[in-house]
Amino acid sequence: MKRRERTRHLIELGGLVVKAGIVELVDDDRAVILGLLVEAAVRLRGDSREQVLTLWRRRGRRAFAEAADGKSE
């Protein structure tokens, strides 16, 4: 059961990368996608962690709301 939950979790995370449009923007270049994620991790380890989290959380919630309203793909 744990394996199935982990697989579902990983699929959902991959879906977020697609939903954000990153795959299309970088022409499915996985090195670039990993680089983006590494850069995000570096920023989250920095002094402005809370501000970055607040900004990204707002943007993410807005994107989810737009998708639910049919404004986004």
PDB file of N, CA and C in Angstrom:
ATOM      1  N   MET A   1       0.821  -1.209   0.000  1.00  0.00           N
ATOM      2  CA  MET A   1       0.000   0.000   0.000  1.00  0.00           C
ATOM      3  C   MET A   1       0.866   1.275   0.000  1.00  0.00           C
ATOM      4  N   LYS A   2       1.941   1.257   0.755  1.00  0.00           N
ATOM      5  CA  LYS A   2       2.817   2.433   0.809  1.00  0.00           C
ATOM      6  C   LYS A   2       3.383   2.758  -0.567  1.00  0.00           C
ATOM      7  N   ARG A   3       3.736   1.723  -1.315  1.00  0.00           N
ATOM      8  CA  ARG A   3       4.296   1.927  -2.649  1.00  0.00           C
ATOM      9  C   ARG A   3       3.280   2.608  -3.555  1.00  0.00           C
ATOM     10  N   ARG A   4       2.039   2.197  -3.471  1.00  0.00           N
ATOM     11  CA  ARG A   4       0.979   2.790  -4.298  1.00  0.00           C
ATOM     12  C   ARG A   4       0.773   4.260  -3.923  1.00  0.00           C
ATOM     13  N   GLU A   5       0.805   4.565  -2.632  1.00  0.00           N
ATOM     14  CA  GLU A   5       0.645   5.953  -2.179  1.00  0.00           C
ATOM     15  C   GLU A   5       1.798   6.819  -2.662  1.00  0.00           C
ATOM     16  N   ARG A   6       3.016   6.269  -2.574  1.00  0.00           N
ATOM     17  CA  ARG A   6       4.197   7.010  -3.020  1.00  0.00           C
ATOM     18  C   ARG A   6       4.114   7.271  -4.531  1.00  0.00           C
ATOM     19  N   THR A   7       3.710   6.262  -5.286  1.00  0.00           N
ATOM     20  CA  THR A   7       3.584   6.409  -6.735  1.00  0.00           C
ATOM     21  C   THR A   7       2.565   7.496  -7.074  1.00  0.00           C
ATOM     22  N   ARG A   8       1.437   7.475  -6.407  1.00  0.00           N
ATOM     23  CA  ARG A   8       0.403   8.494  -6.642  1.00  0.00           C
ATOM     24  C   ARG A   8       0.937   9.893  -6.322  1.00  0.00           C
ATOM     25  N   HIS A   9       1.663  10.004  -5.211  1.00  0.00           N
ATOM     26  CA  HIS A   9       2.235  11.280  -4.790  1.00  0.00           C
ATOM     27  C   HIS A   9       3.209  11.807  -5.852  1.00  0.00           C
ATOM     28  N   LEU A  10       4.069  10.930  -6.354  1.00  0.00           N
ATOM     29  CA  LEU A  10       5.037  11.339  -7.371  1.00  0.00           C
ATOM     30  C   LEU A  10       4.343  11.756  -8.672  1.00  0.00           C
ATOM     31  N   ILE A  11       3.300  11.046  -9.043  1.00  0.00           N
ATOM     32  CA  ILE A  11       2.535  11.408 -10.242  1.00  0.00           C
ATOM     33  C   ILE A  11       1.886  12.777 -10.065  1.00  0.00           C
ATOM     34  N   GLU A  12       1.336  13.036  -8.899  1.00  0.00           N
ATOM     35  CA  GLU A  12       0.718  14.338  -8.635  1.00  0.00           C
ATOM     36  C   GLU A  12       1.752  15.460  -8.702  1.00  0.00           C
ATOM     37  N   LEU A  13       2.939  15.226  -8.154  1.00  0.00           N
ATOM     38  CA  LEU A  13       3.988  16.252  -8.214  1.00  0.00           C
ATOM     39  C   LEU A  13       4.408  16.514  -9.656  1.00  0.00           C
ATOM     40  N   GLY A  14       4.535  15.471 -10.450  1.00  0.00           N
ATOM     41  CA  GLY A  14       4.847  15.643 -11.861  1.00  0.00           C
ATOM     42  C   GLY A  14       3.758  16.422 -12.578  1.00  0.00           C
ATOM     43  N   GLY A  15       2.517  16.172 -12.190  1.00  0.00           N
ATOM     44  CA  GLY A  15       1.397  16.905 -12.768  1.00  0.00           C
ATOM     45  C   GLY A  15       1.475  18.394 -12.494  1.00  0.00           C
ATOM     46  N   LEU A  16       2.006  18.756 -11.338  1.00  0.00           N
ATOM     47  CA  LEU A  16       2.165  20.178 -11.019  1.00  0.00           C
ATOM     48  C   LEU A  16       3.189  20.829 -11.939  1.00  0.00           C
ATOM     49  N   VAL A  17       4.246  20.109 -12.264  1.00  0.00           N
ATOM     50  CA  VAL A  17       5.259  20.635 -13.185  1.00  0.00           C
ATOM     51  C   VAL A  17       4.623  20.885 -14.549  1.00  0.00           C
ATOM     52  N   VAL A  18       3.791  19.965 -14.981  1.00  0.00           N
ATOM     53  CA  VAL A  18       3.096  20.125 -16.260  1.00  0.00           C
ATOM     54  C   VAL A  18       2.093  21.276 -16.172  1.00  0.00           C
ATOM     55  N   LYS A  19       1.295  21.307 -15.105  1.00  0.00           N
ATOM     56  CA  LYS A  19       0.252  22.328 -14.924  1.00  0.00           C
ATOM     57  C   LYS A  19       0.848  23.741 -14.924  1.00  0.00           C
ATOM     58  N   ALA A  20       2.045  23.875 -14.385  1.00  0.00           N
ATOM     59  CA  ALA A  20       2.702  25.184 -14.345  1.00  0.00           C
ATOM     60  C   ALA A  20       3.211  25.621 -15.718  1.00  0.00           C
ATOM     61  N   GLY A  21       3.205  24.701 -16.669  1.00  0.00           N
ATOM     62  CA  GLY A  21       3.665  25.034 -18.004  1.00  0.00           C
ATOM     63  C   GLY A  21       5.166  24.909 -18.195  1.00  0.00           C
ATOM     64  N   ILE A  22       5.841  24.392 -17.197  1.00  0.00           N
ATOM     65  CA  ILE A  22       7.302  24.315 -17.249  1.00  0.00           C
ATOM     66  C   ILE A  22       7.775  23.364 -18.345  1.00  0.00           C
ATOM     67  N   VAL A  23       7.108  22.234 -18.486  1.00  0.00           N
ATOM     68  CA  VAL A  23       7.526  21.237 -19.476  1.00  0.00           C
ATOM     69  C   VAL A  23       7.551  21.855 -20.868  1.00  0.00           C
ATOM     70  N   GLU A  24       6.515  22.565 -21.216  1.00  0.00           N
ATOM     71  CA  GLU A  24       6.446  23.209 -22.533  1.00  0.00           C
ATOM     72  C   GLU A  24       7.460  24.342 -22.660  1.00  0.00           C
ATOM     73  N   LEU A  25       7.609  25.123 -21.606  1.00  0.00           N
ATOM     74  CA  LEU A  25       8.511  26.278 -21.663  1.00  0.00           C
ATOM     75  C   LEU A  25       9.965  25.882 -21.858  1.00  0.00           C
ATOM     76  N   VAL A  26      10.352  24.714 -21.356  1.00  0.00           N
ATOM     77  CA  VAL A  26      11.756  24.295 -21.473  1.00  0.00           C
ATOM     78  C   VAL A  26      11.915  23.137 -22.453  1.00  0.00           C
ATOM     79  N   ASP A  27      10.882  22.903 -23.250  1.00  0.00           N
ATOM     80  CA  ASP A  27      10.903  21.861 -24.273  1.00  0.00           C
ATOM     81  C   ASP A  27      11.262  20.498 -23.671  1.00  0.00           C
ATOM     82  N   ASP A  28      10.659  20.200 -22.521  1.00  0.00           N
ATOM     83  CA  ASP A  28      10.820  18.913 -21.835  1.00  0.00           C
ATOM     84  C   ASP A  28      12.280  18.577 -21.530  1.00  0.00           C
ATOM     85  N   ASP A  29      13.090  19.607 -21.287  1.00  0.00           N
ATOM     86  CA  ASP A  29      14.501  19.417 -20.930  1.00  0.00           C
ATOM     87  C   ASP A  29      14.588  19.143 -19.430  1.00  0.00           C
ATOM     88  N   ARG A  30      14.808  17.896 -19.075  1.00  0.00           N
ATOM     89  CA  ARG A  30      14.766  17.490 -17.674  1.00  0.00           C
ATOM     90  C   ARG A  30      15.903  18.080 -16.859  1.00  0.00           C
ATOM     91  N   ALA A  31      17.033  18.365 -17.493  1.00  0.00           N
ATOM     92  CA  ALA A  31      18.129  19.017 -16.773  1.00  0.00           C
ATOM     93  C   ALA A  31      17.715  20.426 -16.359  1.00  0.00           C
ATOM     94  N   VAL A  32      16.994  21.117 -17.230  1.00  0.00           N
ATOM     95  CA  VAL A  32      16.516  22.468 -16.910  1.00  0.00           C
ATOM     96  C   VAL A  32      15.470  22.390 -15.798  1.00  0.00           C
ATOM     97  N   ILE A  33      14.576  21.429 -15.884  1.00  0.00           N
ATOM     98  CA  ILE A  33      13.544  21.282 -14.846  1.00  0.00           C
ATOM     99  C   ILE A  33      14.192  21.011 -13.501  1.00  0.00           C
ATOM    100  N   LEU A  34      15.158  20.113 -13.468  1.00  0.00           N
ATOM    101  CA  LEU A  34      15.856  19.849 -12.209  1.00  0.00           C
ATOM    102  C   LEU A  34      16.589  21.096 -11.732  1.00  0.00           C
ATOM    103  N   GLY A  35      17.206  21.815 -12.653  1.00  0.00           N
ATOM    104  CA  GLY A  35      17.887  23.060 -12.282  1.00  0.00           C
ATOM    105  C   GLY A  35      16.941  24.069 -11.657  1.00  0.00           C
ATOM    106  N   LEU A  36      15.741  24.181 -12.208  1.00  0.00           N
ATOM    107  CA  LEU A  36      14.730  25.077 -11.628  1.00  0.00           C
ATOM    108  C   LEU A  36      14.382  24.670 -10.199  1.00  0.00           C
ATOM    109  N   LEU A  37      14.213  23.376  -9.998  1.00  0.00           N
ATOM    110  CA  LEU A  37      13.862  22.879  -8.668  1.00  0.00           C
ATOM    111  C   LEU A  37      15.011  23.060  -7.679  1.00  0.00           C
ATOM    112  N   VAL A  38      16.243  22.850  -8.143  1.00  0.00           N
ATOM    113  CA  VAL A  38      17.411  23.070  -7.286  1.00  0.00           C
ATOM    114  C   VAL A  38      17.509  24.542  -6.906  1.00  0.00           C
ATOM    115  N   GLU A  39      17.262  25.417  -7.868  1.00  0.00           N
ATOM    116  CA  GLU A  39      17.275  26.858  -7.594  1.00  0.00           C
ATOM    117  C   GLU A  39      16.209  27.231  -6.560  1.00  0.00           C
ATOM    118  N   ALA A  40      15.037  26.643  -6.685  1.00  0.00           N
ATOM    119  CA  ALA A  40      13.980  26.899  -5.705  1.00  0.00           C
ATOM    120  C   ALA A  40      14.425  26.440  -4.317  1.00  0.00           C
ATOM    121  N   ALA A  41      15.071  25.285  -4.239  1.00  0.00           N
ATOM    122  CA  ALA A  41      15.554  24.780  -2.950  1.00  0.00           C
ATOM    123  C   ALA A  41      16.603  25.716  -2.350  1.00  0.00           C
ATOM    124  N   VAL A  42      17.471  26.258  -3.187  1.00  0.00           N
ATOM    125  CA  VAL A  42      18.482  27.206  -2.711  1.00  0.00           C
ATOM    126  C   VAL A  42      17.799  28.439  -2.124  1.00  0.00           C
ATOM    127  N   ARG A  43      16.796  28.946  -2.828  1.00  0.00           N
ATOM    128  CA  ARG A  43      16.073  30.134  -2.331  1.00  0.00           C
ATOM    129  C   ARG A  43      15.369  29.848  -1.016  1.00  0.00           C
ATOM    130  N   LEU A  44      14.845  28.626  -0.872  1.00  0.00           N
ATOM    131  CA  LEU A  44      14.155  28.268   0.370  1.00  0.00           C
ATOM    132  C   LEU A  44      15.112  28.088   1.539  1.00  0.00           C
ATOM    133  N   ARG A  45      16.378  27.889   1.249  1.00  0.00           N
ATOM    134  CA  ARG A  45      17.384  27.787   2.316  1.00  0.00           C
ATOM    135  C   ARG A  45      17.931  29.159   2.699  1.00  0.00           C
ATOM    136  N   GLY A  46      17.552  30.184   1.968  1.00  0.00           N
ATOM    137  CA  GLY A  46      18.078  31.521   2.194  1.00  0.00           C
ATOM    138  C   GLY A  46      17.328  32.286   3.269  1.00  0.00           C
ATOM    139  N   ASP A  47      17.780  33.514   3.474  1.00  0.00           N
ATOM    140  CA  ASP A  47      17.215  34.381   4.513  1.00  0.00           C
ATOM    141  C   ASP A  47      15.787  34.822   4.210  1.00  0.00           C
ATOM    142  N   SER A  48      15.406  34.823   2.944  1.00  0.00           N
ATOM    143  CA  SER A  48      14.072  35.308   2.574  1.00  0.00           C
ATOM    144  C   SER A  48      13.068  34.164   2.422  1.00  0.00           C
ATOM    145  N   ARG A  49      13.312  33.050   3.086  1.00  0.00           N
ATOM    146  CA  ARG A  49      12.472  31.854   2.982  1.00  0.00           C
ATOM    147  C   ARG A  49      10.983  32.162   3.143  1.00  0.00           C
ATOM    148  N   GLU A  50      10.620  32.852   4.193  1.00  0.00           N
ATOM    149  CA  GLU A  50       9.202  33.100   4.484  1.00  0.00           C
ATOM    150  C   GLU A  50       8.546  33.962   3.411  1.00  0.00           C
ATOM    151  N   GLN A  51       9.267  34.973   2.929  1.00  0.00           N
ATOM    152  CA  GLN A  51       8.721  35.828   1.880  1.00  0.00           C
ATOM    153  C   GLN A  51       8.533  35.030   0.584  1.00  0.00           C
ATOM    154  N   VAL A  52       9.509  34.187   0.267  1.00  0.00           N
ATOM    155  CA  VAL A  52       9.427  33.371  -0.946  1.00  0.00           C
ATOM    156  C   VAL A  52       8.254  32.399  -0.842  1.00  0.00           C
ATOM    157  N   LEU A  53       8.121  31.741   0.303  1.00  0.00           N
ATOM    158  CA  LEU A  53       7.010  30.811   0.497  1.00  0.00           C
ATOM    159  C   LEU A  53       5.661  31.515   0.371  1.00  0.00           C
ATOM    160  N   THR A  54       5.557  32.686   0.958  1.00  0.00           N
ATOM    161  CA  THR A  54       4.305  33.445   0.885  1.00  0.00           C
ATOM    162  C   THR A  54       3.967  33.803  -0.562  1.00  0.00           C
ATOM    163  N   LEU A  55       4.950  34.300  -1.298  1.00  0.00           N
ATOM    164  CA  LEU A  55       4.739  34.664  -2.698  1.00  0.00           C
ATOM    165  C   LEU A  55       4.338  33.449  -3.523  1.00  0.00           C
ATOM    166  N   TRP A  56       5.083  32.360  -3.409  1.00  0.00           N
ATOM    167  CA  TRP A  56       4.799  31.163  -4.195  1.00  0.00           C
ATOM    168  C   TRP A  56       3.469  30.527  -3.810  1.00  0.00           C
ATOM    169  N   ARG A  57       3.139  30.573  -2.534  1.00  0.00           N
ATOM    170  CA  ARG A  57       1.856  30.014  -2.087  1.00  0.00           C
ATOM    171  C   ARG A  57       0.703  30.805  -2.702  1.00  0.00           C
ATOM    172  N   ARG A  58       0.806  32.134  -2.710  1.00  0.00           N
ATOM    173  CA  ARG A  58      -0.241  32.975  -3.314  1.00  0.00           C
ATOM    174  C   ARG A  58      -0.388  32.673  -4.799  1.00  0.00           C
ATOM    175  N   ARG A  59       0.730  32.595  -5.483  1.00  0.00           N
ATOM    176  CA  ARG A  59       0.692  32.318  -6.922  1.00  0.00           C
ATOM    177  C   ARG A  59       0.103  30.939  -7.196  1.00  0.00           C
ATOM    178  N   GLY A  60       0.482  29.974  -6.387  1.00  0.00           N
ATOM    179  CA  GLY A  60      -0.044  28.620  -6.563  1.00  0.00           C
ATOM    180  C   GLY A  60      -1.535  28.554  -6.313  1.00  0.00           C
ATOM    181  N   ARG A  61      -1.990  29.178  -5.259  1.00  0.00           N
ATOM    182  CA  ARG A  61      -3.427  29.185  -4.965  1.00  0.00           C
ATOM    183  C   ARG A  61      -4.207  29.885  -6.067  1.00  0.00           C
ATOM    184  N   ARG A  62      -3.636  30.969  -6.576  1.00  0.00           N
ATOM    185  CA  ARG A  62      -4.289  31.692  -7.675  1.00  0.00           C
ATOM    186  C   ARG A  62      -4.370  30.805  -8.917  1.00  0.00           C
ATOM    187  N   ALA A  63      -3.299  30.077  -9.211  1.00  0.00           N
ATOM    188  CA  ALA A  63      -3.289  29.186 -10.380  1.00  0.00           C
ATOM    189  C   ALA A  63      -4.308  28.065 -10.220  1.00  0.00           C
ATOM    190  N   PHE A  64      -4.412  27.492  -9.018  1.00  0.00           N
ATOM    191  CA  PHE A  64      -5.419  26.457  -8.767  1.00  0.00           C
ATOM    192  C   PHE A  64      -6.823  27.025  -8.954  1.00  0.00           C
ATOM    193  N   ALA A  65      -7.057  28.232  -8.434  1.00  0.00           N
ATOM    194  CA  ALA A  65      -8.378  28.846  -8.548  1.00  0.00           C
ATOM    195  C   ALA A  65      -8.719  29.137 -10.000  1.00  0.00           C
ATOM    196  N   GLU A  66      -7.757  29.632 -10.766  1.00  0.00           N
ATOM    197  CA  GLU A  66      -8.005  29.910 -12.183  1.00  0.00           C
ATOM    198  C   GLU A  66      -8.300  28.628 -12.946  1.00  0.00           C
ATOM    199  N   ALA A  67      -7.584  27.579 -12.628  1.00  0.00           N
ATOM    200  CA  ALA A  67      -7.817  26.295 -13.290  1.00  0.00           C
ATOM    201  C   ALA A  67      -9.210  25.774 -12.951  1.00  0.00           C
ATOM    202  N   ALA A  68      -9.622  25.945 -11.710  1.00  0.00           N
ATOM    203  CA  ALA A  68     -10.955  25.492 -11.283  1.00  0.00           C
ATOM    204  C   ALA A  68     -12.056  26.309 -11.961  1.00  0.00           C
ATOM    205  N   ASP A  69     -11.757  27.576 -12.239  1.00  0.00           N
ATOM    206  CA  ASP A  69     -12.733  28.447 -12.913  1.00  0.00           C
ATOM    207  C   ASP A  69     -12.718  28.274 -14.430  1.00  0.00           C
ATOM    208  N   GLY A  70     -11.793  27.474 -14.925  1.00  0.00           N
ATOM    209  CA  GLY A  70     -11.698  27.237 -16.364  1.00  0.00           C
ATOM    210  C   GLY A  70     -10.965  28.326 -17.116  1.00  0.00           C
ATOM    211  N   LYS A  71     -10.271  29.203 -16.396  1.00  0.00           N
ATOM    212  CA  LYS A  71      -9.527  30.295 -17.038  1.00  0.00           C
ATOM    213  C   LYS A  71      -8.173  29.841 -17.536  1.00  0.00           C
ATOM    214  N   SER A  72      -7.726  28.703 -17.057  1.00  0.00           N
ATOM    215  CA  SER A  72      -6.405  28.218 -17.387  1.00  0.00           C
ATOM    216  C   SER A  72      -6.524  26.825 -17.975  1.00  0.00           C
ATOM    217  N   GLU A  73      -5.496  26.378 -18.714  1.00  0.00           N
ATOM    218  CA  GLU A  73      -5.554  25.033 -19.324  1.00  0.00           C
ATOM    219  C   GLU A  73      -5.475  23.952 -18.303  1.00  0.00           C
TER     220      GLU A  73
END
